[in-house]
Amino acid sequence: MSGLRVVPTWRHGQERLYVCLTDGRNIAWYDREASRVNLLSEDRRQDVLDALGPFLTGPVAIGPPPVPTPAELARLSLHPDDDLAPNRPGEALQIALDRDPGPARRLRPDPRRRALAAEQAVGEALDRLDGAGWHTLHSVPLPGGDHVHHLLIGPGGLFAVHTLYARKQRVTVADPMVTLGRREPRPLLRRVRADADRASYALTAEVHPVLALVGPTDVQVTAPPREARIVTDTDVEGLARLGGVLKPADVEALHAMARDRRTWVRV
């Protein structure tokens, strides 16, 4: 008996199987997605492979862990309080509602809850792009109390996505005005472009503005928006079809920069 045990864990949405000594120290791990067994010590190579035998699927690479990239080193050195990656869709709204849920009985639904539902719907759709080489950060804080609802980073570039609850509403877009049903028009596209401009300044890279409409019955664009994209929550994943702009290393470097809260303090 080798005395080794295999402990499954999840890191950043990916499963890893750690091989541990009886005292709890790790001596290897199996990365299923990369099909690689990373050994911290060659002395226990065969024991590690025997322990992992029931879990290995297909051919695997075996060797010491790869040297971390500059982006990985930046992430590892990031203090948890400054890491925006764990933010949930609508993080800022959820915190605000927890602190001040408002009166128990209201004549009308709390608009913050509708806004939260919109950010969650779009955020969940964007999170599904993670396996395709994209990263999404949610509720990125900006000075003054504003937030970029979602920042999407991937092969097709960078996108600042602003969500708008439009359930069962007809939406009319006449740049810069956006009208929901019979409500008064609002110059919302100015806000959408301003968020993208601030993100561009922070990351020193071009960030494209996107307005994501959640649940509209109809969308009419009478004056095409300058530079900004208009999408619905059902087709927001189509952004993943864009490509040819950023290399994987550039995506990782920009994601490492964007997830650091300190990046956004002076925009």
C-alpha atoms as a PDB file:
ATOM      1  CA  MET A   1       0.000   0.000   0.000  1.00  0.00           C
ATOM      2  CA  SER A   2       1.348   3.431  -0.979  1.00  0.00           C
ATOM      3  CA  GLY A   3      -0.588   5.331   1.688  1.00  0.00           C
ATOM      4  CA  LEU A   4      -1.665   7.918  -0.895  1.00  0.00           C
ATOM      5  CA  ARG A   5      -5.216   9.190  -1.224  1.00  0.00           C
ATOM      6  CA  VAL A   6      -6.960  11.037  -4.046  1.00  0.00           C
ATOM      7  CA  VAL A   7      -8.999  14.133  -3.188  1.00  0.00           C
ATOM      8  CA  PRO A   8     -11.216  15.738  -5.876  1.00  0.00           C
ATOM      9  CA  THR A   9     -11.522  19.549  -5.838  1.00  0.00           C
ATOM     10  CA  TRP A  10     -12.802  22.316  -8.088  1.00  0.00           C
ATOM     11  CA  ARG A  11     -10.674  25.349  -8.970  1.00  0.00           C
ATOM     12  CA  HIS A  12     -11.998  28.135 -11.207  1.00  0.00           C
ATOM     13  CA  GLY A  13     -14.713  25.844 -12.539  1.00  0.00           C
ATOM     14  CA  GLN A  14     -12.326  22.988 -13.400  1.00  0.00           C
ATOM     15  CA  GLU A  15     -12.007  19.656 -11.627  1.00  0.00           C
ATOM     16  CA  ARG A  16      -8.632  18.587 -10.251  1.00  0.00           C
ATOM     17  CA  LEU A  17      -7.725  15.383  -8.452  1.00  0.00           C
ATOM     18  CA  TYR A  18      -5.041  15.939  -5.824  1.00  0.00           C
ATOM     19  CA  VAL A  19      -2.840  13.068  -4.619  1.00  0.00           C
ATOM     20  CA  CYS A  20      -2.057  13.522  -0.928  1.00  0.00           C
ATOM     21  CA  LEU A  21       0.217  11.919   1.643  1.00  0.00           C
ATOM     22  CA  THR A  22      -1.191  10.683   4.936  1.00  0.00           C
ATOM     23  CA  ASP A  23      -0.256  14.019   6.555  1.00  0.00           C
ATOM     24  CA  GLY A  24      -2.322  15.924   3.989  1.00  0.00           C
ATOM     25  CA  ARG A  25       0.520  17.275   1.846  1.00  0.00           C
ATOM     26  CA  ASN A  26      -0.037  17.270  -1.926  1.00  0.00           C
ATOM     27  CA  ILE A  27       2.544  15.534  -4.079  1.00  0.00           C
ATOM     28  CA  ALA A  28       0.696  15.602  -7.419  1.00  0.00           C
ATOM     29  CA  TRP A  29      -2.539  16.549  -9.133  1.00  0.00           C
ATOM     30  CA  TYR A  30      -4.424  15.406 -12.203  1.00  0.00           C
ATOM     31  CA  ASP A  31      -5.883  18.126 -14.422  1.00  0.00           C
ATOM     32  CA  ARG A  32      -8.661  16.415 -16.412  1.00  0.00           C
ATOM     33  CA  GLU A  33      -9.146  19.236 -18.902  1.00  0.00           C
ATOM     34  CA  ALA A  34      -5.435  19.440 -19.741  1.00  0.00           C
ATOM     35  CA  SER A  35      -5.025  15.615 -19.579  1.00  0.00           C
ATOM     36  CA  ARG A  36      -1.935  16.123 -17.456  1.00  0.00           C
ATOM     37  CA  VAL A  37      -0.565  14.665 -14.223  1.00  0.00           C
ATOM     38  CA  ASN A  38       1.607  17.248 -12.460  1.00  0.00           C
ATOM     39  CA  LEU A  39       4.254  15.717 -10.196  1.00  0.00           C
ATOM     40  CA  LEU A  40       5.900  17.639  -7.378  1.00  0.00           C
ATOM     41  CA  SER A  41       8.320  14.771  -6.797  1.00  0.00           C
ATOM     42  CA  GLU A  42       9.591  12.186  -9.276  1.00  0.00           C
ATOM     43  CA  ASP A  43      10.369   9.819  -6.373  1.00  0.00           C
ATOM     44  CA  ARG A  44       6.696   8.803  -6.051  1.00  0.00           C
ATOM     45  CA  ARG A  45       5.886   8.780  -9.755  1.00  0.00           C
ATOM     46  CA  GLN A  46       4.680   5.160  -9.945  1.00  0.00           C
ATOM     47  CA  ASP A  47       2.776   5.391  -6.649  1.00  0.00           C
ATOM     48  CA  VAL A  48       0.962   8.487  -7.928  1.00  0.00           C
ATOM     49  CA  LEU A  49       0.023   6.783 -11.194  1.00  0.00           C
ATOM     50  CA  ASP A  50      -1.223   3.725  -9.313  1.00  0.00           C
ATOM     51  CA  ALA A  51      -3.397   5.906  -7.067  1.00  0.00           C
ATOM     52  CA  LEU A  52      -4.799   7.825 -10.026  1.00  0.00           C
ATOM     53  CA  GLY A  53      -5.243   4.717 -12.163  1.00  0.00           C
ATOM     54  CA  PRO A  54      -9.048   4.405 -11.708  1.00  0.00           C
ATOM     55  CA  PHE A  55      -9.500   8.084 -12.620  1.00  0.00           C
ATOM     56  CA  LEU A  56      -7.274   8.457 -15.682  1.00  0.00           C
ATOM     57  CA  THR A  57      -9.059   8.584 -19.038  1.00  0.00           C
ATOM     58  CA  GLY A  58      -7.060   8.243 -22.232  1.00  0.00           C
ATOM     59  CA  PRO A  59      -3.410   9.251 -22.694  1.00  0.00           C
ATOM     60  CA  VAL A  60      -2.035  11.820 -20.241  1.00  0.00           C
ATOM     61  CA  ALA A  61       1.117  13.912 -20.059  1.00  0.00           C
ATOM     62  CA  ILE A  62       3.217  13.397 -16.915  1.00  0.00           C
ATOM     63  CA  GLY A  63       5.793  15.772 -15.508  1.00  0.00           C
ATOM     64  CA  PRO A  64       6.489  18.714 -13.230  1.00  0.00           C
ATOM     65  CA  PRO A  65       3.941  21.563 -13.128  1.00  0.00           C
ATOM     66  CA  PRO A  66       4.299  24.055 -15.992  1.00  0.00           C
ATOM     67  CA  VAL A  67       5.990  27.361 -15.233  1.00  0.00           C
ATOM     68  CA  PRO A  68       3.280  29.921 -14.420  1.00  0.00           C
ATOM     69  CA  THR A  69       2.672  32.689 -16.932  1.00  0.00           C
ATOM     70  CA  PRO A  70       2.975  36.362 -15.912  1.00  0.00           C
ATOM     71  CA  ALA A  71      -0.843  36.523 -15.798  1.00  0.00           C
ATOM     72  CA  GLU A  72      -1.000  33.534 -13.448  1.00  0.00           C
ATOM     73  CA  LEU A  73       1.683  35.035 -11.205  1.00  0.00           C
ATOM     74  CA  ALA A  74      -0.305  38.290 -11.039  1.00  0.00           C
ATOM     75  CA  ARG A  75      -3.433  36.355 -10.049  1.00  0.00           C
ATOM     76  CA  LEU A  76      -1.603  34.362  -7.391  1.00  0.00           C
ATOM     77  CA  SER A  77      -0.211  37.542  -5.824  1.00  0.00           C
ATOM     78  CA  LEU A  78      -3.617  39.257  -5.774  1.00  0.00           C
ATOM     79  CA  HIS A  79      -5.153  39.804  -2.339  1.00  0.00           C
ATOM     80  CA  PRO A  80      -8.613  38.157  -2.080  1.00  0.00           C
ATOM     81  CA  ASP A  81     -10.224  41.493  -1.169  1.00  0.00           C
ATOM     82  CA  ASP A  82      -8.944  42.985  -4.436  1.00  0.00           C
ATOM     83  CA  ASP A  83     -10.002  40.067  -6.661  1.00  0.00           C
ATOM     84  CA  LEU A  84     -13.166  40.828  -8.650  1.00  0.00           C
ATOM     85  CA  ALA A  85     -13.359  37.385 -10.292  1.00  0.00           C
ATOM     86  CA  PRO A  86     -15.580  35.857  -7.550  1.00  0.00           C
ATOM     87  CA  ASN A  87     -18.224  38.578  -8.023  1.00  0.00           C
ATOM     88  CA  ARG A  88     -21.661  37.182  -8.814  1.00  0.00           C
ATOM     89  CA  PRO A  89     -23.826  38.729 -11.545  1.00  0.00           C
ATOM     90  CA  GLY A  90     -25.464  41.745  -9.922  1.00  0.00           C
ATOM     91  CA  GLU A  91     -23.080  41.621  -6.943  1.00  0.00           C
ATOM     92  CA  ALA A  92     -23.477  45.327  -6.120  1.00  0.00           C
ATOM     93  CA  LEU A  93     -27.288  45.118  -6.252  1.00  0.00           C
ATOM     94  CA  GLN A  94     -27.348  41.992  -4.091  1.00  0.00           C
ATOM     95  CA  ILE A  95     -25.241  43.722  -1.450  1.00  0.00           C
ATOM     96  CA  ALA A  96     -27.474  46.814  -1.581  1.00  0.00           C
ATOM     97  CA  LEU A  97     -30.631  44.708  -1.191  1.00  0.00           C
ATOM     98  CA  ASP A  98     -29.136  42.770   1.702  1.00  0.00           C
ATOM     99  CA  ARG A  99     -28.288  46.015   3.489  1.00  0.00           C
ATOM    100  CA  ASP A 100     -31.601  47.714   2.704  1.00  0.00           C
ATOM    101  CA  PRO A 101     -34.320  45.324   1.505  1.00  0.00           C
ATOM    102  CA  GLY A 102     -36.910  48.118   1.590  1.00  0.00           C
ATOM    103  CA  PRO A 103     -40.459  47.918   2.963  1.00  0.00           C
ATOM    104  CA  ALA A 104     -42.058  44.490   3.182  1.00  0.00           C
ATOM    105  CA  ARG A 105     -45.157  45.707   1.331  1.00  0.00           C
ATOM    106  CA  ARG A 106     -44.884  47.870  -1.754  1.00  0.00           C
ATOM    107  CA  LEU A 107     -47.447  49.135  -4.227  1.00  0.00           C
ATOM    108  CA  ARG A 108     -44.955  48.446  -7.022  1.00  0.00           C
ATOM    109  CA  PRO A 109     -42.090  45.950  -7.285  1.00  0.00           C
ATOM    110  CA  ASP A 110     -38.704  47.239  -6.173  1.00  0.00           C
ATOM    111  CA  PRO A 111     -36.932  48.335  -9.400  1.00  0.00           C
ATOM    112  CA  ARG A 112     -33.653  47.109  -7.930  1.00  0.00           C
ATOM    113  CA  ARG A 113     -34.949  43.537  -7.980  1.00  0.00           C
ATOM    114  CA  ARG A 114     -35.868  43.837 -11.635  1.00  0.00           C
ATOM    115  CA  ALA A 115     -32.433  45.230 -12.404  1.00  0.00           C
ATOM    116  CA  LEU A 116     -30.887  42.348 -10.444  1.00  0.00           C
ATOM    117  CA  ALA A 117     -32.901  39.787 -12.412  1.00  0.00           C
ATOM    118  CA  ALA A 118     -31.635  41.368 -15.639  1.00  0.00           C
ATOM    119  CA  GLU A 119     -27.992  41.276 -14.563  1.00  0.00           C
ATOM    120  CA  GLN A 120     -28.343  37.677 -13.420  1.00  0.00           C
ATOM    121  CA  ALA A 121     -29.912  36.541 -16.692  1.00  0.00           C
ATOM    122  CA  VAL A 122     -27.216  38.165 -18.829  1.00  0.00           C
ATOM    123  CA  GLY A 123     -24.422  37.209 -16.424  1.00  0.00           C
ATOM    124  CA  GLU A 124     -25.387  33.540 -16.481  1.00  0.00           C
ATOM    125  CA  ALA A 125     -25.391  33.565 -20.289  1.00  0.00           C
ATOM    126  CA  LEU A 126     -21.950  35.170 -20.384  1.00  0.00           C
ATOM    127  CA  ASP A 127     -20.556  32.739 -17.813  1.00  0.00           C
ATOM    128  CA  ARG A 128     -21.410  29.894 -20.187  1.00  0.00           C
ATOM    129  CA  LEU A 129     -18.754  31.257 -22.574  1.00  0.00           C
ATOM    130  CA  ASP A 130     -15.949  30.496 -20.114  1.00  0.00           C
ATOM    131  CA  GLY A 131     -15.025  27.192 -21.728  1.00  0.00           C
ATOM    132  CA  ALA A 132     -14.623  28.846 -25.130  1.00  0.00           C
ATOM    133  CA  GLY A 133     -11.651  30.985 -24.101  1.00  0.00           C
ATOM    134  CA  TRP A 134     -13.683  33.904 -22.713  1.00  0.00           C
ATOM    135  CA  HIS A 135     -13.715  35.427 -19.224  1.00  0.00           C
ATOM    136  CA  THR A 136     -16.469  37.533 -17.660  1.00  0.00           C
ATOM    137  CA  LEU A 137     -16.187  39.851 -14.671  1.00  0.00           C
ATOM    138  CA  HIS A 138     -19.383  41.032 -13.033  1.00  0.00           C
ATOM    139  CA  SER A 139     -20.258  44.244 -11.223  1.00  0.00           C
ATOM    140  CA  VAL A 140     -16.896  45.929 -11.806  1.00  0.00           C
ATOM    141  CA  PRO A 141     -16.791  48.952  -9.456  1.00  0.00           C
ATOM    142  CA  LEU A 142     -16.044  52.411 -10.807  1.00  0.00           C
ATOM    143  CA  PRO A 143     -15.297  55.543  -8.766  1.00  0.00           C
ATOM    144  CA  GLY A 144     -18.452  57.445  -7.879  1.00  0.00           C
ATOM    145  CA  GLY A 145     -20.561  54.371  -7.182  1.00  0.00           C
ATOM    146  CA  ASP A 146     -21.138  53.249 -10.783  1.00  0.00           C
ATOM    147  CA  HIS A 147     -20.499  49.709 -12.008  1.00  0.00           C
ATOM    148  CA  VAL A 148     -19.771  48.034 -15.304  1.00  0.00           C
ATOM    149  CA  HIS A 149     -22.470  45.363 -15.165  1.00  0.00           C
ATOM    150  CA  HIS A 150     -20.376  42.808 -17.057  1.00  0.00           C
ATOM    151  CA  LEU A 151     -16.931  42.947 -18.645  1.00  0.00           C
ATOM    152  CA  LEU A 152     -16.412  40.246 -21.285  1.00  0.00           C
ATOM    153  CA  ILE A 153     -12.849  39.450 -22.380  1.00  0.00           C
ATOM    154  CA  GLY A 154     -11.985  36.934 -25.070  1.00  0.00           C
ATOM    155  CA  PRO A 155     -10.662  36.229 -28.570  1.00  0.00           C
ATOM    156  CA  GLY A 156     -13.107  38.735 -30.076  1.00  0.00           C
ATOM    157  CA  GLY A 157     -11.971  41.613 -27.866  1.00  0.00           C
ATOM    158  CA  LEU A 158     -13.343  43.363 -24.788  1.00  0.00           C
ATOM    159  CA  PHE A 159     -16.981  44.291 -24.213  1.00  0.00           C
ATOM    160  CA  ALA A 160     -18.586  46.398 -21.474  1.00  0.00           C
ATOM    161  CA  VAL A 161     -22.132  44.993 -21.231  1.00  0.00           C
ATOM    162  CA  HIS A 162     -24.890  47.088 -19.656  1.00  0.00           C
ATOM    163  CA  THR A 163     -28.142  45.240 -18.940  1.00  0.00           C
ATOM    164  CA  LEU A 164     -31.665  46.639 -19.038  1.00  0.00           C
ATOM    165  CA  TYR A 165     -34.798  44.919 -17.726  1.00  0.00           C
ATOM    166  CA  ALA A 166     -37.358  45.073 -20.529  1.00  0.00           C
ATOM    167  CA  ARG A 167     -39.661  42.151 -19.755  1.00  0.00           C
ATOM    168  CA  LYS A 168     -42.769  42.246 -21.991  1.00  0.00           C
ATOM    169  CA  GLN A 169     -41.867  45.753 -23.148  1.00  0.00           C
ATOM    170  CA  ARG A 170     -41.408  47.209 -26.593  1.00  0.00           C
ATOM    171  CA  VAL A 171     -37.998  48.880 -26.842  1.00  0.00           C
ATOM    172  CA  THR A 172     -37.249  51.748 -29.217  1.00  0.00           C
ATOM    173  CA  VAL A 173     -33.669  52.841 -29.773  1.00  0.00           C
ATOM    174  CA  ALA A 174     -32.891  56.226 -31.305  1.00  0.00           C
ATOM    175  CA  ASP A 175     -29.304  56.981 -30.394  1.00  0.00           C
ATOM    176  CA  PRO A 176     -28.696  58.058 -27.671  1.00  0.00           C
ATOM    177  CA  MET A 177     -32.273  57.592 -26.440  1.00  0.00           C
ATOM    178  CA  VAL A 178     -33.794  54.277 -25.332  1.00  0.00           C
ATOM    179  CA  THR A 179     -37.536  54.030 -24.709  1.00  0.00           C
ATOM    180  CA  LEU A 180     -39.272  51.245 -22.771  1.00  0.00           C
ATOM    181  CA  GLY A 181     -42.941  50.934 -23.674  1.00  0.00           C
ATOM    182  CA  ARG A 182     -44.689  54.228 -22.951  1.00  0.00           C
ATOM    183  CA  ARG A 183     -42.078  55.537 -20.551  1.00  0.00           C
ATOM    184  CA  GLU A 184     -40.066  58.666 -21.122  1.00  0.00           C
ATOM    185  CA  PRO A 185     -36.996  58.146 -23.337  1.00  0.00           C
ATOM    186  CA  ARG A 186     -33.641  58.061 -21.542  1.00  0.00           C
ATOM    187  CA  PRO A 187     -30.184  58.786 -23.014  1.00  0.00           C
ATOM    188  CA  LEU A 188     -29.019  55.361 -21.867  1.00  0.00           C
ATOM    189  CA  LEU A 189     -26.547  54.816 -24.703  1.00  0.00           C
ATOM    190  CA  ARG A 190     -24.453  57.707 -23.385  1.00  0.00           C
ATOM    191  CA  ARG A 191     -24.050  55.789 -20.129  1.00  0.00           C
ATOM    192  CA  VAL A 192     -23.239  52.574 -22.008  1.00  0.00           C
ATOM    193  CA  ARG A 193     -20.521  54.283 -24.057  1.00  0.00           C
ATOM    194  CA  ALA A 194     -19.172  56.135 -21.017  1.00  0.00           C
ATOM    195  CA  ASP A 195     -18.720  52.856 -19.127  1.00  0.00           C
ATOM    196  CA  ALA A 196     -16.838  51.376 -22.092  1.00  0.00           C
ATOM    197  CA  ASP A 197     -14.653  54.478 -22.360  1.00  0.00           C
ATOM    198  CA  ARG A 198     -13.725  54.278 -18.668  1.00  0.00           C
ATOM    199  CA  ALA A 199     -12.897  50.597 -19.046  1.00  0.00           C
ATOM    200  CA  SER A 200     -10.738  51.382 -22.081  1.00  0.00           C
ATOM    201  CA  TYR A 201      -8.834  53.967 -20.069  1.00  0.00           C
ATOM    202  CA  ALA A 202      -8.290  51.551 -17.159  1.00  0.00           C
ATOM    203  CA  LEU A 203      -7.115  48.652 -19.323  1.00  0.00           C
ATOM    204  CA  THR A 204      -5.363  50.689 -22.051  1.00  0.00           C
ATOM    205  CA  ALA A 205      -7.237  48.599 -24.614  1.00  0.00           C
ATOM    206  CA  GLU A 206     -10.301  49.130 -26.794  1.00  0.00           C
ATOM    207  CA  VAL A 207     -13.525  48.148 -25.022  1.00  0.00           C
ATOM    208  CA  HIS A 208     -16.733  47.927 -27.047  1.00  0.00           C
ATOM    209  CA  PRO A 209     -20.048  49.096 -25.528  1.00  0.00           C
ATOM    210  CA  VAL A 210     -22.976  46.651 -25.507  1.00  0.00           C
ATOM    211  CA  LEU A 211     -26.571  47.165 -24.348  1.00  0.00           C
ATOM    212  CA  ALA A 212     -28.241  43.864 -23.427  1.00  0.00           C
ATOM    213  CA  LEU A 213     -32.054  43.944 -23.279  1.00  0.00           C
ATOM    214  CA  VAL A 214     -33.690  41.295 -21.108  1.00  0.00           C
ATOM    215  CA  GLY A 215     -37.035  39.902 -22.221  1.00  0.00           C
ATOM    216  CA  PRO A 216     -38.297  42.556 -24.686  1.00  0.00           C
ATOM    217  CA  THR A 217     -41.313  41.772 -26.861  1.00  0.00           C
ATOM    218  CA  ASP A 218     -39.947  43.850 -29.739  1.00  0.00           C
ATOM    219  CA  VAL A 219     -36.890  45.974 -30.472  1.00  0.00           C
ATOM    220  CA  GLN A 220     -36.979  48.808 -32.987  1.00  0.00           C
ATOM    221  CA  VAL A 221     -33.835  50.728 -33.876  1.00  0.00           C
ATOM    222  CA  THR A 222     -34.845  53.962 -35.581  1.00  0.00           C
ATOM    223  CA  ALA A 223     -31.409  55.565 -35.353  1.00  0.00           C
ATOM    224  CA  PRO A 224     -28.559  53.022 -35.337  1.00  0.00           C
ATOM    225  CA  PRO A 225     -26.317  53.523 -32.302  1.00  0.00           C
ATOM    226  CA  ARG A 226     -22.821  54.824 -32.864  1.00  0.00           C
ATOM    227  CA  GLU A 227     -20.305  52.054 -32.090  1.00  0.00           C
ATOM    228  CA  ALA A 228     -22.546  50.331 -29.512  1.00  0.00           C
ATOM    229  CA  ARG A 229     -24.137  46.925 -30.041  1.00  0.00           C
ATOM    230  CA  ILE A 230     -27.744  46.156 -29.106  1.00  0.00           C
ATOM    231  CA  VAL A 231     -28.415  42.526 -28.138  1.00  0.00           C
ATOM    232  CA  THR A 232     -31.036  40.593 -26.161  1.00  0.00           C
ATOM    233  CA  ASP A 233     -30.418  38.146 -23.342  1.00  0.00           C
ATOM    234  CA  THR A 234     -31.229  35.257 -25.716  1.00  0.00           C
ATOM    235  CA  ASP A 235     -28.528  36.152 -28.242  1.00  0.00           C
ATOM    236  CA  VAL A 236     -25.834  37.648 -25.994  1.00  0.00           C
ATOM    237  CA  GLU A 237     -23.838  34.427 -26.312  1.00  0.00           C
ATOM    238  CA  GLY A 238     -23.421  35.277 -29.991  1.00  0.00           C
ATOM    239  CA  LEU A 239     -20.587  37.566 -28.939  1.00  0.00           C
ATOM    240  CA  ALA A 240     -18.495  34.406 -28.602  1.00  0.00           C
ATOM    241  CA  ARG A 241     -18.591  33.961 -32.380  1.00  0.00           C
ATOM    242  CA  LEU A 242     -16.385  37.020 -32.727  1.00  0.00           C
ATOM    243  CA  GLY A 243     -12.686  36.257 -32.938  1.00  0.00           C
ATOM    244  CA  GLY A 244      -9.356  37.075 -34.459  1.00  0.00           C
ATOM    245  CA  VAL A 245      -8.620  40.094 -32.254  1.00  0.00           C
ATOM    246  CA  LEU A 246      -6.790  38.843 -29.164  1.00  0.00           C
ATOM    247  CA  LYS A 247      -4.380  35.963 -28.693  1.00  0.00           C
ATOM    248  CA  PRO A 248      -4.912  33.636 -25.697  1.00  0.00           C
ATOM    249  CA  ALA A 249      -1.956  35.169 -23.844  1.00  0.00           C
ATOM    250  CA  ASP A 250      -3.416  38.659 -24.359  1.00  0.00           C
ATOM    251  CA  VAL A 251      -6.803  37.495 -23.076  1.00  0.00           C
ATOM    252  CA  GLU A 252      -5.226  36.098 -19.916  1.00  0.00           C
ATOM    253  CA  ALA A 253      -3.115  39.205 -19.329  1.00  0.00           C
ATOM    254  CA  LEU A 254      -6.104  41.550 -19.720  1.00  0.00           C
ATOM    255  CA  HIS A 255      -8.230  39.356 -17.485  1.00  0.00           C
ATOM    256  CA  ALA A 256      -5.526  39.395 -14.801  1.00  0.00           C
ATOM    257  CA  MET A 257      -5.404  43.193 -14.984  1.00  0.00           C
ATOM    258  CA  ALA A 258      -9.180  43.653 -15.032  1.00  0.00           C
ATOM    259  CA  ARG A 259      -9.887  41.406 -12.055  1.00  0.00           C
ATOM    260  CA  ASP A 260      -7.667  43.574  -9.826  1.00  0.00           C
ATOM    261  CA  ARG A 261      -9.883  46.120  -8.045  1.00  0.00           C
ATOM    262  CA  ARG A 262      -6.972  48.572  -7.936  1.00  0.00           C
ATOM    263  CA  THR A 263      -7.047  48.830 -11.721  1.00  0.00           C
ATOM    264  CA  TRP A 264     -10.318  50.757 -11.534  1.00  0.00           C
ATOM    265  CA  VAL A 265      -9.684  53.306  -8.789  1.00  0.00           C
ATOM    266  CA  ARG A 266      -8.697  56.209 -11.068  1.00  0.00           C
ATOM    267  CA  VAL A 267     -11.045  56.001 -14.052  1.00  0.00           C
END
